[in-house]
Amino acid sequence: EEVYPPNAAEFAYVTDNAYTKKQVLKIEDLLLQTLHFEVSTVTTHTFLLHYLKLAEVDETTEDLARVSN
């Protein structure tokens, strides 16, 4: 995951300006529609679920973490 993902203008730049920013955004939209992606932001709850799974915590700790979130 990128902390500071590149913007569309930077993608256009790395193509040696073969594509405009608008064209980059258009193809990105087309790809997402074609693949039926549902894009959403990561929430603290989502992060917590992944962290708890990786940490392999017991059920009590997981319950307490969810309540305090």
PDB file of N, CA and C in Angstrom:
ATOM      1  N   GLU A   1       0.836  -1.175   0.000  1.00  0.00           N
ATOM      2  CA  GLU A   1       0.000   0.000   0.000  1.00  0.00           C
ATOM      3  C   GLU A   1       0.881   1.239   0.000  1.00  0.00           C
ATOM      4  N   GLU A   2       0.485   2.171  -0.787  1.00  0.00           N
ATOM      5  CA  GLU A   2       1.217   3.433  -0.875  1.00  0.00           C
ATOM      6  C   GLU A   2       0.722   4.402   0.193  1.00  0.00           C
ATOM      7  N   VAL A   3       1.646   5.030   0.896  1.00  0.00           N
ATOM      8  CA  VAL A   3       1.273   6.058   1.856  1.00  0.00           C
ATOM      9  C   VAL A   3       0.838   7.308   1.100  1.00  0.00           C
ATOM     10  N   TYR A   4       1.601   7.659   0.080  1.00  0.00           N
ATOM     11  CA  TYR A   4       1.280   8.802  -0.765  1.00  0.00           C
ATOM     12  C   TYR A   4       1.225   8.301  -2.213  1.00  0.00           C
ATOM     13  N   PRO A   5       0.081   7.776  -2.617  1.00  0.00           N
ATOM     14  CA  PRO A   5      -0.010   7.220  -3.974  1.00  0.00           C
ATOM     15  C   PRO A   5       0.157   8.308  -5.029  1.00  0.00           C
ATOM     16  N   PRO A   6       0.739   7.953  -6.161  1.00  0.00           N
ATOM     17  CA  PRO A   6       0.894   8.957  -7.227  1.00  0.00           C
ATOM     18  C   PRO A   6      -0.456   9.384  -7.786  1.00  0.00           C
ATOM     19  N   ASN A   7      -0.532  10.609  -8.230  1.00  0.00           N
ATOM     20  CA  ASN A   7      -1.785  11.084  -8.814  1.00  0.00           C
ATOM     21  C   ASN A   7      -1.775  10.826 -10.324  1.00  0.00           C
ATOM     22  N   ALA A   8      -2.896  11.070 -10.951  1.00  0.00           N
ATOM     23  CA  ALA A   8      -3.054  10.772 -12.378  1.00  0.00           C
ATOM     24  C   ALA A   8      -2.054  11.546 -13.236  1.00  0.00           C
ATOM     25  N   ALA A   9      -1.729  12.753 -12.851  1.00  0.00           N
ATOM     26  CA  ALA A   9      -0.773  13.553 -13.619  1.00  0.00           C
ATOM     27  C   ALA A   9       0.605  12.890 -13.624  1.00  0.00           C
ATOM     28  N   GLU A  10       0.977  12.278 -12.505  1.00  0.00           N
ATOM     29  CA  GLU A  10       2.267  11.590 -12.441  1.00  0.00           C
ATOM     30  C   GLU A  10       2.276  10.347 -13.326  1.00  0.00           C
ATOM     31  N   PHE A  11       1.137   9.645 -13.405  1.00  0.00           N
ATOM     32  CA  PHE A  11       1.048   8.498 -14.299  1.00  0.00           C
ATOM     33  C   PHE A  11       1.164   8.943 -15.753  1.00  0.00           C
ATOM     34  N   ALA A  12       0.549  10.051 -16.080  1.00  0.00           N
ATOM     35  CA  ALA A  12       0.657  10.579 -17.437  1.00  0.00           C
ATOM     36  C   ALA A  12       2.106  10.947 -17.739  1.00  0.00           C
ATOM     37  N   TYR A  13       2.793  11.517 -16.766  1.00  0.00           N
ATOM     38  CA  TYR A  13       4.192  11.915 -16.942  1.00  0.00           C
ATOM     39  C   TYR A  13       5.080  10.705 -17.221  1.00  0.00           C
ATOM     40  N   VAL A  14       4.888   9.607 -16.489  1.00  0.00           N
ATOM     41  CA  VAL A  14       5.754   8.433 -16.682  1.00  0.00           C
ATOM     42  C   VAL A  14       5.489   7.729 -18.017  1.00  0.00           C
ATOM     43  N   THR A  15       4.395   8.062 -18.674  1.00  0.00           N
ATOM     44  CA  THR A  15       4.147   7.518 -20.014  1.00  0.00           C
ATOM     45  C   THR A  15       4.748   8.447 -21.069  1.00  0.00           C
ATOM     46  N   ASP A  16       5.596   9.378 -20.617  1.00  0.00           N
ATOM     47  CA  ASP A  16       6.203  10.378 -21.506  1.00  0.00           C
ATOM     48  C   ASP A  16       5.114  11.203 -22.181  1.00  0.00           C
ATOM     49  N   ASN A  17       4.055  11.433 -21.406  1.00  0.00           N
ATOM     50  CA  ASN A  17       2.898  12.216 -21.851  1.00  0.00           C
ATOM     51  C   ASN A  17       2.212  11.645 -23.092  1.00  0.00           C
ATOM     52  N   ALA A  18       2.281  10.309 -23.226  1.00  0.00           N
ATOM     53  CA  ALA A  18       1.547   9.651 -24.308  1.00  0.00           C
ATOM     54  C   ALA A  18       0.053   9.709 -24.014  1.00  0.00           C
ATOM     55  N   TYR A  19      -0.279   9.836 -22.738  1.00  0.00           N
ATOM     56  CA  TYR A  19      -1.675   9.945 -22.302  1.00  0.00           C
ATOM     57  C   TYR A  19      -1.828  11.196 -21.458  1.00  0.00           C
ATOM     58  N   THR A  20      -3.002  11.773 -21.486  1.00  0.00           N
ATOM     59  CA  THR A  20      -3.289  12.932 -20.640  1.00  0.00           C
ATOM     60  C   THR A  20      -3.800  12.441 -19.289  1.00  0.00           C
ATOM     61  N   LYS A  21      -3.850  13.352 -18.345  1.00  0.00           N
ATOM     62  CA  LYS A  21      -4.393  13.027 -17.022  1.00  0.00           C
ATOM     63  C   LYS A  21      -5.828  12.526 -17.160  1.00  0.00           C
ATOM     64  N   LYS A  22      -6.594  13.184 -18.019  1.00  0.00           N
ATOM     65  CA  LYS A  22      -7.989  12.799 -18.223  1.00  0.00           C
ATOM     66  C   LYS A  22      -8.090  11.380 -18.794  1.00  0.00           C
ATOM     67  N   GLN A  23      -7.212  11.026 -19.723  1.00  0.00           N
ATOM     68  CA  GLN A  23      -7.228   9.684 -20.306  1.00  0.00           C
ATOM     69  C   GLN A  23      -6.850   8.628 -19.271  1.00  0.00           C
ATOM     70  N   VAL A  24      -5.890   8.948 -18.414  1.00  0.00           N
ATOM     71  CA  VAL A  24      -5.480   8.016 -17.350  1.00  0.00           C
ATOM     72  C   VAL A  24      -6.659   7.752 -16.424  1.00  0.00           C
ATOM     73  N   LEU A  25      -7.365   8.803 -16.032  1.00  0.00           N
ATOM     74  CA  LEU A  25      -8.525   8.637 -15.151  1.00  0.00           C
ATOM     75  C   LEU A  25      -9.641   7.849 -15.836  1.00  0.00           C
ATOM     76  N   LYS A  26      -9.818   8.091 -17.127  1.00  0.00           N
ATOM     77  CA  LYS A  26     -10.860   7.388 -17.871  1.00  0.00           C
ATOM     78  C   LYS A  26     -10.578   5.883 -17.936  1.00  0.00           C
ATOM     79  N   ILE A  27      -9.340   5.498 -18.220  1.00  0.00           N
ATOM     80  CA  ILE A  27      -9.010   4.071 -18.308  1.00  0.00           C
ATOM     81  C   ILE A  27      -9.049   3.425 -16.925  1.00  0.00           C
ATOM     82  N   GLU A  28      -8.672   4.171 -15.896  1.00  0.00           N
ATOM     83  CA  GLU A  28      -8.769   3.646 -14.538  1.00  0.00           C
ATOM     84  C   GLU A  28     -10.234   3.346 -14.199  1.00  0.00           C
ATOM     85  N   ASP A  29     -11.109   4.264 -14.538  1.00  0.00           N
ATOM     86  CA  ASP A  29     -12.541   4.074 -14.308  1.00  0.00           C
ATOM     87  C   ASP A  29     -13.057   2.864 -15.080  1.00  0.00           C
ATOM     88  N   LEU A  30     -12.642   2.737 -16.337  1.00  0.00           N
ATOM     89  CA  LEU A  30     -13.062   1.614 -17.168  1.00  0.00           C
ATOM     90  C   LEU A  30     -12.598   0.280 -16.570  1.00  0.00           C
ATOM     91  N   LEU A  31     -11.356   0.237 -16.113  1.00  0.00           N
ATOM     92  CA  LEU A  31     -10.828  -0.993 -15.505  1.00  0.00           C
ATOM     93  C   LEU A  31     -11.602  -1.373 -14.247  1.00  0.00           C
ATOM     94  N   LEU A  32     -11.869  -0.392 -13.406  1.00  0.00           N
ATOM     95  CA  LEU A  32     -12.606  -0.666 -12.179  1.00  0.00           C
ATOM     96  C   LEU A  32     -14.020  -1.150 -12.475  1.00  0.00           C
ATOM     97  N   GLN A  33     -14.668  -0.550 -13.462  1.00  0.00           N
ATOM     98  CA  GLN A  33     -16.019  -0.984 -13.832  1.00  0.00           C
ATOM     99  C   GLN A  33     -15.996  -2.399 -14.402  1.00  0.00           C
ATOM    100  N   THR A  34     -15.036  -2.667 -15.260  1.00  0.00           N
ATOM    101  CA  THR A  34     -14.936  -3.973 -15.898  1.00  0.00           C
ATOM    102  C   THR A  34     -14.694  -5.075 -14.875  1.00  0.00           C
ATOM    103  N   LEU A  35     -13.863  -4.796 -13.897  1.00  0.00           N
ATOM    104  CA  LEU A  35     -13.521  -5.801 -12.877  1.00  0.00           C
ATOM    105  C   LEU A  35     -14.490  -5.798 -11.693  1.00  0.00           C
ATOM    106  N   HIS A  36     -15.486  -4.918 -11.737  1.00  0.00           N
ATOM    107  CA  HIS A  36     -16.499  -4.810 -10.677  1.00  0.00           C
ATOM    108  C   HIS A  36     -15.881  -4.539  -9.302  1.00  0.00           C
ATOM    109  N   PHE A  37     -14.894  -3.671  -9.285  1.00  0.00           N
ATOM    110  CA  PHE A  37     -14.258  -3.317  -8.026  1.00  0.00           C
ATOM    111  C   PHE A  37     -15.152  -2.359  -7.250  1.00  0.00           C
ATOM    112  N   GLU A  38     -15.235  -2.584  -5.977  1.00  0.00           N
ATOM    113  CA  GLU A  38     -15.893  -1.657  -5.079  1.00  0.00           C
ATOM    114  C   GLU A  38     -14.807  -1.058  -4.200  1.00  0.00           C
ATOM    115  N   VAL A  39     -14.479   0.171  -4.450  1.00  0.00           N
ATOM    116  CA  VAL A  39     -13.370   0.821  -3.759  1.00  0.00           C
ATOM    117  C   VAL A  39     -13.903   1.589  -2.562  1.00  0.00           C
ATOM    118  N   SER A  40     -13.257   1.408  -1.443  1.00  0.00           N
ATOM    119  CA  SER A  40     -13.625   2.157  -0.247  1.00  0.00           C
ATOM    120  C   SER A  40     -12.360   2.449   0.550  1.00  0.00           C
ATOM    121  N   THR A  41     -12.487   3.364   1.475  1.00  0.00           N
ATOM    122  CA  THR A  41     -11.333   3.705   2.304  1.00  0.00           C
ATOM    123  C   THR A  41     -11.175   2.693   3.424  1.00  0.00           C
ATOM    124  N   VAL A  42      -9.961   2.529   3.862  1.00  0.00           N
ATOM    125  CA  VAL A  42      -9.688   1.628   4.971  1.00  0.00           C
ATOM    126  C   VAL A  42     -10.055   2.345   6.266  1.00  0.00           C
ATOM    127  N   THR A  43     -10.830   1.679   7.096  1.00  0.00           N
ATOM    128  CA  THR A  43     -11.210   2.262   8.380  1.00  0.00           C
ATOM    129  C   THR A  43     -10.375   1.643   9.486  1.00  0.00           C
ATOM    130  N   THR A  44     -10.451   2.203  10.668  1.00  0.00           N
ATOM    131  CA  THR A  44      -9.724   1.618  11.797  1.00  0.00           C
ATOM    132  C   THR A  44     -10.240   0.219  12.096  1.00  0.00           C
ATOM    133  N   HIS A  45     -11.525  -0.006  11.865  1.00  0.00           N
ATOM    134  CA  HIS A  45     -12.095  -1.339  12.107  1.00  0.00           C
ATOM    135  C   HIS A  45     -11.507  -2.368  11.142  1.00  0.00           C
ATOM    136  N   THR A  46     -11.388  -2.014   9.884  1.00  0.00           N
ATOM    137  CA  THR A  46     -10.790  -2.911   8.897  1.00  0.00           C
ATOM    138  C   THR A  46      -9.349  -3.227   9.272  1.00  0.00           C
ATOM    139  N   PHE A  47      -8.595  -2.197   9.635  1.00  0.00           N
ATOM    140  CA  PHE A  47      -7.205  -2.386  10.039  1.00  0.00           C
ATOM    141  C   PHE A  47      -7.132  -3.298  11.260  1.00  0.00           C
ATOM    142  N   LEU A  48      -8.014  -3.076  12.221  1.00  0.00           N
ATOM    143  CA  LEU A  48      -8.035  -3.877  13.433  1.00  0.00           C
ATOM    144  C   LEU A  48      -8.272  -5.351  13.126  1.00  0.00           C
ATOM    145  N   LEU A  49      -9.221  -5.640  12.249  1.00  0.00           N
ATOM    146  CA  LEU A  49      -9.514  -7.030  11.898  1.00  0.00           C
ATOM    147  C   LEU A  49      -8.301  -7.722  11.292  1.00  0.00           C
ATOM    148  N   HIS A  50      -7.601  -7.028  10.404  1.00  0.00           N
ATOM    149  CA  HIS A  50      -6.395  -7.599   9.799  1.00  0.00           C
ATOM    150  C   HIS A  50      -5.296  -7.787  10.846  1.00  0.00           C
ATOM    151  N   TYR A  51      -5.133  -6.801  11.704  1.00  0.00           N
ATOM    152  CA  TYR A  51      -4.096  -6.885  12.738  1.00  0.00           C
ATOM    153  C   TYR A  51      -4.373  -8.035  13.698  1.00  0.00           C
ATOM    154  N   LEU A  52      -5.619  -8.177  14.143  1.00  0.00           N
ATOM    155  CA  LEU A  52      -5.966  -9.248  15.072  1.00  0.00           C
ATOM    156  C   LEU A  52      -5.730 -10.619  14.452  1.00  0.00           C
ATOM    157  N   LYS A  53      -6.009 -10.739  13.178  1.00  0.00           N
ATOM    158  CA  LYS A  53      -5.783 -12.007  12.489  1.00  0.00           C
ATOM    159  C   LYS A  53      -4.292 -12.331  12.435  1.00  0.00           C
ATOM    160  N   LEU A  54      -3.480 -11.335  12.108  1.00  0.00           N
ATOM    161  CA  LEU A  54      -2.034 -11.544  12.043  1.00  0.00           C
ATOM    162  C   LEU A  54      -1.430 -11.812  13.420  1.00  0.00           C
ATOM    163  N   ALA A  55      -1.961 -11.152  14.437  1.00  0.00           N
ATOM    164  CA  ALA A  55      -1.428 -11.290  15.792  1.00  0.00           C
ATOM    165  C   ALA A  55      -1.846 -12.605  16.454  1.00  0.00           C
ATOM    166  N   GLU A  56      -2.849 -13.256  15.866  1.00  0.00           N
ATOM    167  CA  GLU A  56      -3.360 -14.518  16.407  1.00  0.00           C
ATOM    168  C   GLU A  56      -3.676 -14.418  17.908  1.00  0.00           C
ATOM    169  N   VAL A  57      -4.473 -13.411  18.247  1.00  0.00           N
ATOM    170  CA  VAL A  57      -4.837 -13.179  19.647  1.00  0.00           C
ATOM    171  C   VAL A  57      -5.982 -14.096  20.058  1.00  0.00           C
ATOM    172  N   ASP A  58      -6.148 -14.244  21.365  1.00  0.00           N
ATOM    173  CA  ASP A  58      -7.242 -15.087  21.859  1.00  0.00           C
ATOM    174  C   ASP A  58      -8.569 -14.335  21.728  1.00  0.00           C
ATOM    175  N   GLU A  59      -9.654 -15.056  21.911  1.00  0.00           N
ATOM    176  CA  GLU A  59     -10.995 -14.501  21.699  1.00  0.00           C
ATOM    177  C   GLU A  59     -11.301 -13.335  22.638  1.00  0.00           C
ATOM    178  N   THR A  60     -10.857 -13.426  23.882  1.00  0.00           N
ATOM    179  CA  THR A  60     -11.111 -12.353  24.857  1.00  0.00           C
ATOM    180  C   THR A  60     -10.426 -11.060  24.423  1.00  0.00           C
ATOM    181  N   THR A  61      -9.166 -11.168  24.014  1.00  0.00           N
ATOM    182  CA  THR A  61      -8.430  -9.990  23.562  1.00  0.00           C
ATOM    183  C   THR A  61      -9.084  -9.384  22.324  1.00  0.00           C
ATOM    184  N   GLU A  62      -9.543 -10.249  21.418  1.00  0.00           N
ATOM    185  CA  GLU A  62     -10.215  -9.764  20.216  1.00  0.00           C
ATOM    186  C   GLU A  62     -11.495  -9.022  20.565  1.00  0.00           C
ATOM    187  N   ASP A  63     -12.277  -9.577  21.487  1.00  0.00           N
ATOM    188  CA  ASP A  63     -13.517  -8.923  21.914  1.00  0.00           C
ATOM    189  C   ASP A  63     -13.239  -7.567  22.548  1.00  0.00           C
ATOM    190  N   LEU A  64     -12.228  -7.512  23.405  1.00  0.00           N
ATOM    191  CA  LEU A  64     -11.894  -6.242  24.075  1.00  0.00           C
ATOM    192  C   LEU A  64     -11.406  -5.214  23.058  1.00  0.00           C
ATOM    193  N   ALA A  65     -10.661  -5.646  22.066  1.00  0.00           N
ATOM    194  CA  ALA A  65     -10.153  -4.720  21.037  1.00  0.00           C
ATOM    195  C   ALA A  65     -11.316  -4.167  20.223  1.00  0.00           C
ATOM    196  N   ARG A  66     -12.284  -5.002  19.902  1.00  0.00           N
ATOM    197  CA  ARG A  66     -13.420  -4.536  19.105  1.00  0.00           C
ATOM    198  C   ARG A  66     -14.284  -3.541  19.883  1.00  0.00           C
ATOM    199  N   VAL A  67     -14.441  -3.763  21.183  1.00  0.00           N
ATOM    200  CA  VAL A  67     -15.259  -2.874  22.011  1.00  0.00           C
ATOM    201  C   VAL A  67     -14.609  -1.515  22.128  1.00  0.00           C
ATOM    202  N   SER A  68     -13.287  -1.502  22.288  1.00  0.00           N
ATOM    203  CA  SER A  68     -12.589  -0.213  22.481  1.00  0.00           C
ATOM    204  C   SER A  68     -12.414   0.531  21.166  1.00  0.00           C
ATOM    205  N   ASN A  69     -12.640  -0.144  20.054  1.00  0.00           N
ATOM    206  CA  ASN A  69     -12.509   0.510  18.753  1.00  0.00           C
ATOM    207  C   ASN A  69     -13.745   1.299  18.529  1.00  0.00           C
TER     208      ASN A  69
END
